[in-house]
């Protein structure tokens, strides 16, 4: 019996000696680390023929990528206006705190508006389209405004059983209109600069998003008039020029940029890292993320 115990003990010691070591816990990657480790194939160049480069007074540059899938007619009309240099000399007319910055013709409501030239004065509203709008990257969490939310081609999208539509997240650009749904031809544009006004979804045509230069639109002085309109011409910020990126040498400022593909593995990892943030500062991961809280990374080309 004594010998049996000795052998058993020896076998037990051997088993302990050869047992695999317990896995060492590793800290989850931060969003910055995920992006730094991303392969080049996970990034895409901007759609330069559908990208605008707007230069504000003082040489401040804003890059806007239009969406020709969800708003093809409005985007085409804006590109026509840009080729005609329609926006040159116009201005930022309105900055409403926690809402939007809007630009267009200061004389648009007078008897002497700037002519639209070959562009249309009326465009059928493009508030939504059918669900088949391209590969849909669905967020795992619920949304208060739609049954499903996610991303299509780099843009935040909501959808139900019948339709899909772009959503009013920060930096999204829309075509201002009057009460008539078809009165927004793109000659007056706005960008969301505050908390996402999702109640506007499917009530106005969203046509793109700012991919660079949001600081030049979000940090402007707030208008002192109703709805944030400037009361004095001197308060406005002038638009020096607005051009199509593909018609500029090397694409201008837009040609130096690339965006993370929303169908990439890196973007999926980024979503999960944002949903469950675990680092030295976060103590209670949310386990949830809102559509408009998902970053859409853009970087200078390596």
C-alpha atoms as a PDB file:
ATOM      1  CA  UNK A   1       0.000   0.000   0.000  1.00  0.00           C
ATOM      2  CA  UNK A   2       2.836   2.284   0.842  1.00  0.00           C
ATOM      3  CA  UNK A   3       4.482   1.545  -2.493  1.00  0.00           C
ATOM      4  CA  UNK A   4       1.169   2.198  -4.321  1.00  0.00           C
ATOM      5  CA  UNK A   5       0.826   5.587  -2.682  1.00  0.00           C
ATOM      6  CA  UNK A   6       4.377   6.453  -3.608  1.00  0.00           C
ATOM      7  CA  UNK A   7       3.803   5.559  -7.246  1.00  0.00           C
ATOM      8  CA  UNK A   8       0.472   7.384  -7.319  1.00  0.00           C
ATOM      9  CA  UNK A   9       2.067  10.443  -5.827  1.00  0.00           C
ATOM     10  CA  UNK A  10       4.814  10.294  -8.393  1.00  0.00           C
ATOM     11  CA  UNK A  11       2.276  10.013 -11.188  1.00  0.00           C
ATOM     12  CA  UNK A  12       0.418  12.969  -9.740  1.00  0.00           C
ATOM     13  CA  UNK A  13       3.598  15.010  -9.707  1.00  0.00           C
ATOM     14  CA  UNK A  14       4.306  14.042 -13.292  1.00  0.00           C
ATOM     15  CA  UNK A  15       0.817  15.036 -14.309  1.00  0.00           C
ATOM     16  CA  UNK A  16       1.278  18.396 -12.666  1.00  0.00           C
ATOM     17  CA  UNK A  17       4.602  18.866 -14.358  1.00  0.00           C
ATOM     18  CA  UNK A  18       3.221  18.234 -17.854  1.00  0.00           C
ATOM     19  CA  UNK A  19      -0.130  20.058 -17.485  1.00  0.00           C
ATOM     20  CA  UNK A  20      -0.476  23.042 -19.851  1.00  0.00           C
ATOM     21  CA  UNK A  21       0.067  26.420 -18.289  1.00  0.00           C
ATOM     22  CA  UNK A  22      -3.003  28.533 -17.676  1.00  0.00           C
ATOM     23  CA  UNK A  23      -3.505  31.150 -20.406  1.00  0.00           C
ATOM     24  CA  UNK A  24      -2.177  34.557 -19.538  1.00  0.00           C
ATOM     25  CA  UNK A  25      -4.892  37.197 -19.672  1.00  0.00           C
ATOM     26  CA  UNK A  26      -4.146  39.912 -22.188  1.00  0.00           C
ATOM     27  CA  UNK A  27      -5.550  43.380 -22.102  1.00  0.00           C
ATOM     28  CA  UNK A  28      -8.137  44.035 -24.827  1.00  0.00           C
ATOM     29  CA  UNK A  29      -6.919  46.251 -27.634  1.00  0.00           C
ATOM     30  CA  UNK A  30      -7.927  49.881 -27.687  1.00  0.00           C
ATOM     31  CA  UNK A  31      -9.508  51.387 -30.776  1.00  0.00           C
ATOM     32  CA  UNK A  32      -6.212  53.117 -31.556  1.00  0.00           C
ATOM     33  CA  UNK A  33      -4.368  49.788 -31.387  1.00  0.00           C
ATOM     34  CA  UNK A  34      -6.962  48.114 -33.609  1.00  0.00           C
ATOM     35  CA  UNK A  35      -6.592  50.819 -36.241  1.00  0.00           C
ATOM     36  CA  UNK A  36      -2.798  50.756 -36.017  1.00  0.00           C
ATOM     37  CA  UNK A  37      -2.807  46.997 -36.682  1.00  0.00           C
ATOM     38  CA  UNK A  38      -5.244  47.183 -39.591  1.00  0.00           C
ATOM     39  CA  UNK A  39      -4.075  45.839 -42.962  1.00  0.00           C
ATOM     40  CA  UNK A  40      -3.955  48.183 -45.929  1.00  0.00           C
ATOM     41  CA  UNK A  41      -6.708  46.163 -47.631  1.00  0.00           C
ATOM     42  CA  UNK A  42      -9.188  47.289 -44.946  1.00  0.00           C
ATOM     43  CA  UNK A  43      -8.969  50.889 -46.145  1.00  0.00           C
ATOM     44  CA  UNK A  44     -10.493  52.457 -49.258  1.00  0.00           C
ATOM     45  CA  UNK A  45      -9.857  55.614 -51.215  1.00  0.00           C
ATOM     46  CA  UNK A  46     -12.621  58.189 -51.310  1.00  0.00           C
ATOM     47  CA  UNK A  47     -14.993  58.283 -54.267  1.00  0.00           C
ATOM     48  CA  UNK A  48     -13.288  61.336 -55.777  1.00  0.00           C
ATOM     49  CA  UNK A  49     -15.845  61.997 -58.571  1.00  0.00           C
ATOM     50  CA  UNK A  50     -18.492  62.259 -55.833  1.00  0.00           C
ATOM     51  CA  UNK A  51     -16.359  64.127 -53.278  1.00  0.00           C
ATOM     52  CA  UNK A  52     -16.383  67.878 -52.706  1.00  0.00           C
ATOM     53  CA  UNK A  53     -13.544  70.063 -51.460  1.00  0.00           C
ATOM     54  CA  UNK A  54     -14.929  73.254 -49.922  1.00  0.00           C
ATOM     55  CA  UNK A  55     -12.592  76.085 -48.977  1.00  0.00           C
ATOM     56  CA  UNK A  56     -13.852  78.589 -46.430  1.00  0.00           C
ATOM     57  CA  UNK A  57     -12.464  82.060 -45.757  1.00  0.00           C
ATOM     58  CA  UNK A  58      -8.929  81.850 -44.470  1.00  0.00           C
ATOM     59  CA  UNK A  59      -8.136  78.718 -46.458  1.00  0.00           C
ATOM     60  CA  UNK A  60      -9.968  76.324 -44.141  1.00  0.00           C
ATOM     61  CA  UNK A  61     -10.715  73.112 -46.044  1.00  0.00           C
ATOM     62  CA  UNK A  62     -13.713  70.802 -45.659  1.00  0.00           C
ATOM     63  CA  UNK A  63     -13.963  67.470 -47.531  1.00  0.00           C
ATOM     64  CA  UNK A  64     -17.450  66.046 -48.163  1.00  0.00           C
ATOM     65  CA  UNK A  65     -18.098  62.609 -49.662  1.00  0.00           C
ATOM     66  CA  UNK A  66     -21.509  62.457 -51.344  1.00  0.00           C
ATOM     67  CA  UNK A  67     -23.692  59.343 -51.365  1.00  0.00           C
ATOM     68  CA  UNK A  68     -24.782  58.489 -54.897  1.00  0.00           C
ATOM     69  CA  UNK A  69     -26.580  55.315 -53.776  1.00  0.00           C
ATOM     70  CA  UNK A  70     -29.143  56.809 -51.389  1.00  0.00           C
ATOM     71  CA  UNK A  71     -29.431  60.252 -52.987  1.00  0.00           C
ATOM     72  CA  UNK A  72     -28.368  59.878 -56.645  1.00  0.00           C
ATOM     73  CA  UNK A  73     -30.466  62.731 -58.090  1.00  0.00           C
ATOM     74  CA  UNK A  74     -29.614  65.226 -55.354  1.00  0.00           C
ATOM     75  CA  UNK A  75     -25.922  64.312 -55.466  1.00  0.00           C
ATOM     76  CA  UNK A  76     -25.865  64.725 -59.251  1.00  0.00           C
ATOM     77  CA  UNK A  77     -27.488  68.155 -58.937  1.00  0.00           C
ATOM     78  CA  UNK A  78     -24.939  69.251 -56.326  1.00  0.00           C
ATOM     79  CA  UNK A  79     -22.110  68.105 -58.606  1.00  0.00           C
ATOM     80  CA  UNK A  80     -23.641  70.178 -61.431  1.00  0.00           C
ATOM     81  CA  UNK A  81     -23.722  73.211 -59.117  1.00  0.00           C
ATOM     82  CA  UNK A  82     -20.095  72.589 -58.126  1.00  0.00           C
ATOM     83  CA  UNK A  83     -18.945  72.403 -61.767  1.00  0.00           C
ATOM     84  CA  UNK A  84     -20.645  75.751 -62.360  1.00  0.00           C
ATOM     85  CA  UNK A  85     -18.826  77.146 -59.294  1.00  0.00           C
ATOM     86  CA  UNK A  86     -22.233  78.036 -57.898  1.00  0.00           C
ATOM     87  CA  UNK A  87     -21.109  77.963 -54.257  1.00  0.00           C
ATOM     88  CA  UNK A  88     -18.144  80.278 -54.782  1.00  0.00           C
ATOM     89  CA  UNK A  89     -18.833  83.531 -52.967  1.00  0.00           C
ATOM     90  CA  UNK A  90     -21.778  82.192 -50.978  1.00  0.00           C
ATOM     91  CA  UNK A  91     -21.597  81.839 -47.199  1.00  0.00           C
ATOM     92  CA  UNK A  92     -22.409  80.010 -44.010  1.00  0.00           C
ATOM     93  CA  UNK A  93     -25.816  81.466 -43.128  1.00  0.00           C
ATOM     94  CA  UNK A  94     -26.780  79.688 -39.949  1.00  0.00           C
ATOM     95  CA  UNK A  95     -25.111  77.960 -37.000  1.00  0.00           C
ATOM     96  CA  UNK A  96     -27.606  76.651 -34.465  1.00  0.00           C
ATOM     97  CA  UNK A  97     -26.019  75.331 -31.284  1.00  0.00           C
ATOM     98  CA  UNK A  98     -26.186  71.536 -30.848  1.00  0.00           C
ATOM     99  CA  UNK A  99     -27.952  71.213 -34.196  1.00  0.00           C
ATOM    100  CA  UNK A 100     -26.642  72.251 -37.630  1.00  0.00           C
ATOM    101  CA  UNK A 101     -24.393  74.542 -39.635  1.00  0.00           C
ATOM    102  CA  UNK A 102     -26.036  75.602 -42.900  1.00  0.00           C
ATOM    103  CA  UNK A 103     -24.624  77.305 -45.996  1.00  0.00           C
ATOM    104  CA  UNK A 104     -25.993  78.688 -49.242  1.00  0.00           C
ATOM    105  CA  UNK A 105     -27.035  81.875 -51.014  1.00  0.00           C
ATOM    106  CA  UNK A 106     -27.529  84.879 -48.667  1.00  0.00           C
ATOM    107  CA  UNK A 107     -29.903  86.320 -51.276  1.00  0.00           C
ATOM    108  CA  UNK A 108     -31.823  83.099 -51.764  1.00  0.00           C
ATOM    109  CA  UNK A 109     -35.011  84.461 -50.233  1.00  0.00           C
ATOM    110  CA  UNK A 110     -34.876  87.782 -52.108  1.00  0.00           C
ATOM    111  CA  UNK A 111     -35.743  88.801 -55.655  1.00  0.00           C
ATOM    112  CA  UNK A 112     -32.111  88.387 -56.700  1.00  0.00           C
ATOM    113  CA  UNK A 113     -31.016  84.828 -55.917  1.00  0.00           C
ATOM    114  CA  UNK A 114     -27.927  83.416 -57.600  1.00  0.00           C
ATOM    115  CA  UNK A 115     -28.970  81.574 -60.797  1.00  0.00           C
ATOM    116  CA  UNK A 116     -28.776  77.781 -60.680  1.00  0.00           C
ATOM    117  CA  UNK A 117     -27.694  77.536 -64.303  1.00  0.00           C
ATOM    118  CA  UNK A 118     -27.973  73.982 -65.631  1.00  0.00           C
ATOM    119  CA  UNK A 119     -28.902  72.583 -62.203  1.00  0.00           C
ATOM    120  CA  UNK A 120     -32.511  71.751 -61.391  1.00  0.00           C
ATOM    121  CA  UNK A 121     -34.504  73.953 -59.010  1.00  0.00           C
ATOM    122  CA  UNK A 122     -36.561  70.974 -57.814  1.00  0.00           C
ATOM    123  CA  UNK A 123     -35.453  67.417 -57.078  1.00  0.00           C
ATOM    124  CA  UNK A 124     -37.792  64.602 -56.007  1.00  0.00           C
ATOM    125  CA  UNK A 125     -37.277  63.868 -52.317  1.00  0.00           C
ATOM    126  CA  UNK A 126     -34.825  61.028 -51.657  1.00  0.00           C
ATOM    127  CA  UNK A 127     -35.711  60.304 -48.053  1.00  0.00           C
ATOM    128  CA  UNK A 128     -35.276  56.508 -48.313  1.00  0.00           C
ATOM    129  CA  UNK A 129     -34.818  53.702 -50.804  1.00  0.00           C
ATOM    130  CA  UNK A 130     -35.357  49.942 -50.978  1.00  0.00           C
ATOM    131  CA  UNK A 131     -33.444  47.707 -48.585  1.00  0.00           C
ATOM    132  CA  UNK A 132     -31.095  46.414 -51.297  1.00  0.00           C
ATOM    133  CA  UNK A 133     -28.723  49.354 -51.007  1.00  0.00           C
ATOM    134  CA  UNK A 134     -25.510  47.323 -50.741  1.00  0.00           C
ATOM    135  CA  UNK A 135     -23.804  45.131 -48.105  1.00  0.00           C
ATOM    136  CA  UNK A 136     -25.396  45.989 -44.758  1.00  0.00           C
ATOM    137  CA  UNK A 137     -23.169  45.720 -41.673  1.00  0.00           C
ATOM    138  CA  UNK A 138     -25.719  45.400 -38.877  1.00  0.00           C
ATOM    139  CA  UNK A 139     -25.066  46.634 -35.366  1.00  0.00           C
ATOM    140  CA  UNK A 140     -25.893  44.041 -32.679  1.00  0.00           C
ATOM    141  CA  UNK A 141     -27.762  46.523 -30.484  1.00  0.00           C
ATOM    142  CA  UNK A 142     -31.281  47.893 -30.701  1.00  0.00           C
ATOM    143  CA  UNK A 143     -32.256  51.356 -31.873  1.00  0.00           C
ATOM    144  CA  UNK A 144     -35.116  53.617 -30.842  1.00  0.00           C
ATOM    145  CA  UNK A 145     -35.810  54.884 -34.371  1.00  0.00           C
ATOM    146  CA  UNK A 146     -35.641  51.751 -36.540  1.00  0.00           C
ATOM    147  CA  UNK A 147     -35.789  47.946 -36.296  1.00  0.00           C
ATOM    148  CA  UNK A 148     -32.215  47.651 -37.618  1.00  0.00           C
ATOM    149  CA  UNK A 149     -29.253  49.992 -37.901  1.00  0.00           C
ATOM    150  CA  UNK A 150     -25.792  49.594 -39.338  1.00  0.00           C
ATOM    151  CA  UNK A 151     -23.591  50.762 -42.174  1.00  0.00           C
ATOM    152  CA  UNK A 152     -23.666  50.666 -45.957  1.00  0.00           C
ATOM    153  CA  UNK A 153     -20.626  51.827 -47.896  1.00  0.00           C
ATOM    154  CA  UNK A 154     -19.246  53.909 -45.048  1.00  0.00           C
ATOM    155  CA  UNK A 155     -22.499  55.664 -44.147  1.00  0.00           C
ATOM    156  CA  UNK A 156     -24.808  55.147 -41.118  1.00  0.00           C
ATOM    157  CA  UNK A 157     -28.070  53.541 -42.223  1.00  0.00           C
ATOM    158  CA  UNK A 158     -31.361  52.504 -40.626  1.00  0.00           C
ATOM    159  CA  UNK A 159     -33.905  50.162 -42.183  1.00  0.00           C
ATOM    160  CA  UNK A 160     -37.171  48.348 -41.692  1.00  0.00           C
ATOM    161  CA  UNK A 161     -38.815  45.530 -43.644  1.00  0.00           C
ATOM    162  CA  UNK A 162     -39.413  47.702 -46.699  1.00  0.00           C
ATOM    163  CA  UNK A 163     -36.849  50.504 -46.887  1.00  0.00           C
ATOM    164  CA  UNK A 164     -33.429  51.807 -45.866  1.00  0.00           C
ATOM    165  CA  UNK A 165     -32.363  55.388 -45.176  1.00  0.00           C
ATOM    166  CA  UNK A 166     -29.365  57.457 -44.137  1.00  0.00           C
ATOM    167  CA  UNK A 167     -29.400  58.759 -40.572  1.00  0.00           C
ATOM    168  CA  UNK A 168     -28.698  62.140 -38.978  1.00  0.00           C
ATOM    169  CA  UNK A 169     -25.446  61.368 -37.195  1.00  0.00           C
ATOM    170  CA  UNK A 170     -22.721  63.915 -36.458  1.00  0.00           C
ATOM    171  CA  UNK A 171     -21.037  65.176 -39.676  1.00  0.00           C
ATOM    172  CA  UNK A 172     -23.845  63.985 -41.978  1.00  0.00           C
ATOM    173  CA  UNK A 173     -24.785  66.467 -44.720  1.00  0.00           C
ATOM    174  CA  UNK A 174     -28.322  67.154 -45.903  1.00  0.00           C
ATOM    175  CA  UNK A 175     -30.101  69.274 -48.502  1.00  0.00           C
ATOM    176  CA  UNK A 176     -32.161  72.037 -46.929  1.00  0.00           C
ATOM    177  CA  UNK A 177     -35.765  72.328 -48.093  1.00  0.00           C
ATOM    178  CA  UNK A 178     -38.988  74.244 -47.507  1.00  0.00           C
ATOM    179  CA  UNK A 179     -42.323  72.622 -46.602  1.00  0.00           C
ATOM    180  CA  UNK A 180     -42.520  71.028 -50.042  1.00  0.00           C
ATOM    181  CA  UNK A 181     -40.635  67.681 -49.866  1.00  0.00           C
ATOM    182  CA  UNK A 182     -39.274  68.224 -53.380  1.00  0.00           C
ATOM    183  CA  UNK A 183     -37.875  71.698 -52.692  1.00  0.00           C
ATOM    184  CA  UNK A 184     -34.350  70.652 -51.696  1.00  0.00           C
ATOM    185  CA  UNK A 185     -32.185  70.642 -54.841  1.00  0.00           C
ATOM    186  CA  UNK A 186     -28.902  70.831 -52.921  1.00  0.00           C
ATOM    187  CA  UNK A 187     -28.265  74.538 -53.443  1.00  0.00           C
ATOM    188  CA  UNK A 188     -28.466  74.970 -49.661  1.00  0.00           C
ATOM    189  CA  UNK A 189     -26.705  72.377 -47.515  1.00  0.00           C
ATOM    190  CA  UNK A 190     -26.336  71.715 -43.798  1.00  0.00           C
ATOM    191  CA  UNK A 191     -24.194  69.485 -41.598  1.00  0.00           C
ATOM    192  CA  UNK A 192     -25.083  68.013 -38.201  1.00  0.00           C
ATOM    193  CA  UNK A 193     -22.845  69.542 -35.516  1.00  0.00           C
ATOM    194  CA  UNK A 194     -24.579  68.409 -32.320  1.00  0.00           C
ATOM    195  CA  UNK A 195     -26.444  65.557 -30.724  1.00  0.00           C
ATOM    196  CA  UNK A 196     -27.879  63.375 -33.487  1.00  0.00           C
ATOM    197  CA  UNK A 197     -31.332  64.746 -34.488  1.00  0.00           C
ATOM    198  CA  UNK A 198     -32.655  61.378 -35.642  1.00  0.00           C
ATOM    199  CA  UNK A 199     -36.207  62.735 -35.706  1.00  0.00           C
ATOM    200  CA  UNK A 200     -35.224  64.316 -39.034  1.00  0.00           C
ATOM    201  CA  UNK A 201     -34.592  60.916 -40.632  1.00  0.00           C
ATOM    202  CA  UNK A 202     -36.858  60.294 -43.643  1.00  0.00           C
ATOM    203  CA  UNK A 203     -38.029  63.908 -43.517  1.00  0.00           C
ATOM    204  CA  UNK A 204     -35.164  65.446 -45.472  1.00  0.00           C
ATOM    205  CA  UNK A 205     -32.664  64.198 -48.038  1.00  0.00           C
ATOM    206  CA  UNK A 206     -29.304  63.293 -46.561  1.00  0.00           C
ATOM    207  CA  UNK A 207     -26.697  63.381 -49.280  1.00  0.00           C
ATOM    208  CA  UNK A 208     -23.278  62.721 -47.733  1.00  0.00           C
ATOM    209  CA  UNK A 209     -20.933  63.275 -44.831  1.00  0.00           C
ATOM    210  CA  UNK A 210     -17.959  65.424 -43.919  1.00  0.00           C
ATOM    211  CA  UNK A 211     -14.846  63.254 -43.803  1.00  0.00           C
ATOM    212  CA  UNK A 212     -12.358  65.992 -42.928  1.00  0.00           C
ATOM    213  CA  UNK A 213     -12.589  69.539 -41.598  1.00  0.00           C
ATOM    214  CA  UNK A 214     -15.562  69.244 -39.247  1.00  0.00           C
ATOM    215  CA  UNK A 215     -13.789  71.548 -36.825  1.00  0.00           C
ATOM    216  CA  UNK A 216     -14.174  74.389 -39.349  1.00  0.00           C
ATOM    217  CA  UNK A 217     -17.971  73.980 -39.358  1.00  0.00           C
ATOM    218  CA  UNK A 218     -18.726  72.868 -35.795  1.00  0.00           C
ATOM    219  CA  UNK A 219     -16.679  75.564 -34.043  1.00  0.00           C
ATOM    220  CA  UNK A 220     -18.094  78.591 -35.849  1.00  0.00           C
ATOM    221  CA  UNK A 221     -19.765  81.321 -33.762  1.00  0.00           C
ATOM    222  CA  UNK A 222     -23.433  80.568 -33.114  1.00  0.00           C
ATOM    223  CA  UNK A 223     -25.984  82.710 -34.898  1.00  0.00           C
ATOM    224  CA  UNK A 224     -27.863  85.228 -32.795  1.00  0.00           C
ATOM    225  CA  UNK A 225     -31.115  85.189 -34.770  1.00  0.00           C
ATOM    226  CA  UNK A 226     -33.975  82.657 -34.712  1.00  0.00           C
ATOM    227  CA  UNK A 227     -32.816  79.118 -35.562  1.00  0.00           C
ATOM    228  CA  UNK A 228     -29.232  80.300 -35.375  1.00  0.00           C
ATOM    229  CA  UNK A 229     -29.313  82.504 -38.493  1.00  0.00           C
ATOM    230  CA  UNK A 230     -26.773  85.321 -38.582  1.00  0.00           C
ATOM    231  CA  UNK A 231     -28.400  88.724 -38.296  1.00  0.00           C
ATOM    232  CA  UNK A 232     -25.548  90.692 -39.845  1.00  0.00           C
ATOM    233  CA  UNK A 233     -23.675  89.901 -43.079  1.00  0.00           C
ATOM    234  CA  UNK A 234     -20.366  90.453 -41.283  1.00  0.00           C
ATOM    235  CA  UNK A 235     -21.117  87.467 -39.046  1.00  0.00           C
ATOM    236  CA  UNK A 236     -21.165  85.039 -41.966  1.00  0.00           C
ATOM    237  CA  UNK A 237     -18.242  82.893 -43.036  1.00  0.00           C
ATOM    238  CA  UNK A 238     -17.586  83.194 -46.766  1.00  0.00           C
ATOM    239  CA  UNK A 239     -17.137  80.203 -49.070  1.00  0.00           C
ATOM    240  CA  UNK A 240     -14.103  80.838 -51.257  1.00  0.00           C
ATOM    241  CA  UNK A 241     -14.649  77.822 -53.489  1.00  0.00           C
ATOM    242  CA  UNK A 242     -16.273  74.409 -53.760  1.00  0.00           C
ATOM    243  CA  UNK A 243     -14.802  71.919 -56.245  1.00  0.00           C
ATOM    244  CA  UNK A 244     -15.181  68.266 -57.204  1.00  0.00           C
ATOM    245  CA  UNK A 245     -12.139  66.363 -55.941  1.00  0.00           C
ATOM    246  CA  UNK A 246     -11.572  64.397 -59.149  1.00  0.00           C
ATOM    247  CA  UNK A 247     -11.268  67.692 -61.053  1.00  0.00           C
ATOM    248  CA  UNK A 248      -8.472  68.960 -58.799  1.00  0.00           C
ATOM    249  CA  UNK A 249      -4.789  68.034 -59.233  1.00  0.00           C
ATOM    250  CA  UNK A 250      -4.309  64.659 -57.495  1.00  0.00           C
ATOM    251  CA  UNK A 251      -7.759  65.059 -55.953  1.00  0.00           C
ATOM    252  CA  UNK A 252      -6.759  68.023 -53.810  1.00  0.00           C
ATOM    253  CA  UNK A 253      -7.141  67.505 -50.065  1.00  0.00           C
ATOM    254  CA  UNK A 254      -9.455  64.529 -50.700  1.00  0.00           C
ATOM    255  CA  UNK A 255      -6.865  62.675 -52.741  1.00  0.00           C
ATOM    256  CA  UNK A 256      -4.634  62.325 -49.695  1.00  0.00           C
ATOM    257  CA  UNK A 257      -7.290  60.553 -47.620  1.00  0.00           C
ATOM    258  CA  UNK A 258      -8.597  57.034 -47.197  1.00  0.00           C
ATOM    259  CA  UNK A 259     -11.515  55.724 -45.136  1.00  0.00           C
ATOM    260  CA  UNK A 260     -11.861  52.491 -43.206  1.00  0.00           C
ATOM    261  CA  UNK A 261     -14.110  50.073 -45.072  1.00  0.00           C
ATOM    262  CA  UNK A 262     -17.219  49.325 -43.021  1.00  0.00           C
ATOM    263  CA  UNK A 263     -17.256  45.753 -44.377  1.00  0.00           C
ATOM    264  CA  UNK A 264     -13.756  45.054 -43.044  1.00  0.00           C
ATOM    265  CA  UNK A 265     -12.730  42.883 -40.100  1.00  0.00           C
ATOM    266  CA  UNK A 266     -11.066  45.937 -38.575  1.00  0.00           C
ATOM    267  CA  UNK A 267     -14.366  47.827 -38.526  1.00  0.00           C
ATOM    268  CA  UNK A 268     -16.120  44.855 -36.874  1.00  0.00           C
ATOM    269  CA  UNK A 269     -13.406  44.773 -34.208  1.00  0.00           C
ATOM    270  CA  UNK A 270     -13.711  48.533 -33.770  1.00  0.00           C
ATOM    271  CA  UNK A 271     -17.447  48.247 -33.105  1.00  0.00           C
ATOM    272  CA  UNK A 272     -16.922  45.562 -30.473  1.00  0.00           C
ATOM    273  CA  UNK A 273     -14.147  47.529 -28.790  1.00  0.00           C
ATOM    274  CA  UNK A 274     -16.437  50.546 -28.554  1.00  0.00           C
ATOM    275  CA  UNK A 275     -19.322  48.437 -27.216  1.00  0.00           C
ATOM    276  CA  UNK A 276     -17.205  46.934 -24.425  1.00  0.00           C
ATOM    277  CA  UNK A 277     -14.515  49.414 -23.562  1.00  0.00           C
ATOM    278  CA  UNK A 278     -12.041  47.974 -21.069  1.00  0.00           C
ATOM    279  CA  UNK A 279      -8.975  49.966 -20.190  1.00  0.00           C
ATOM    280  CA  UNK A 280      -7.469  51.796 -17.250  1.00  0.00           C
ATOM    281  CA  UNK A 281     -10.249  54.404 -17.283  1.00  0.00           C
ATOM    282  CA  UNK A 282     -13.438  52.431 -18.087  1.00  0.00           C
ATOM    283  CA  UNK A 283     -14.647  50.409 -15.114  1.00  0.00           C
ATOM    284  CA  UNK A 284     -18.111  49.311 -16.347  1.00  0.00           C
ATOM    285  CA  UNK A 285     -18.314  48.368 -20.039  1.00  0.00           C
ATOM    286  CA  UNK A 286     -21.640  49.373 -21.565  1.00  0.00           C
ATOM    287  CA  UNK A 287     -22.143  46.279 -23.703  1.00  0.00           C
ATOM    288  CA  UNK A 288     -24.106  48.499 -26.081  1.00  0.00           C
ATOM    289  CA  UNK A 289     -23.436  51.165 -28.673  1.00  0.00           C
ATOM    290  CA  UNK A 290     -25.612  53.662 -30.482  1.00  0.00           C
ATOM    291  CA  UNK A 291     -25.388  53.950 -34.262  1.00  0.00           C
ATOM    292  CA  UNK A 292     -24.170  57.523 -34.129  1.00  0.00           C
ATOM    293  CA  UNK A 293     -21.508  56.675 -31.543  1.00  0.00           C
ATOM    294  CA  UNK A 294     -19.592  54.401 -33.912  1.00  0.00           C
ATOM    295  CA  UNK A 295     -16.591  56.238 -35.356  1.00  0.00           C
ATOM    296  CA  UNK A 296     -16.030  56.213 -39.113  1.00  0.00           C
ATOM    297  CA  UNK A 297     -12.230  56.532 -39.312  1.00  0.00           C
ATOM    298  CA  UNK A 298     -10.510  58.539 -42.036  1.00  0.00           C
ATOM    299  CA  UNK A 299      -6.753  58.921 -42.252  1.00  0.00           C
ATOM    300  CA  UNK A 300      -4.036  60.310 -44.475  1.00  0.00           C
ATOM    301  CA  UNK A 301      -2.735  57.711 -46.891  1.00  0.00           C
ATOM    302  CA  UNK A 302       0.414  56.043 -45.550  1.00  0.00           C
END
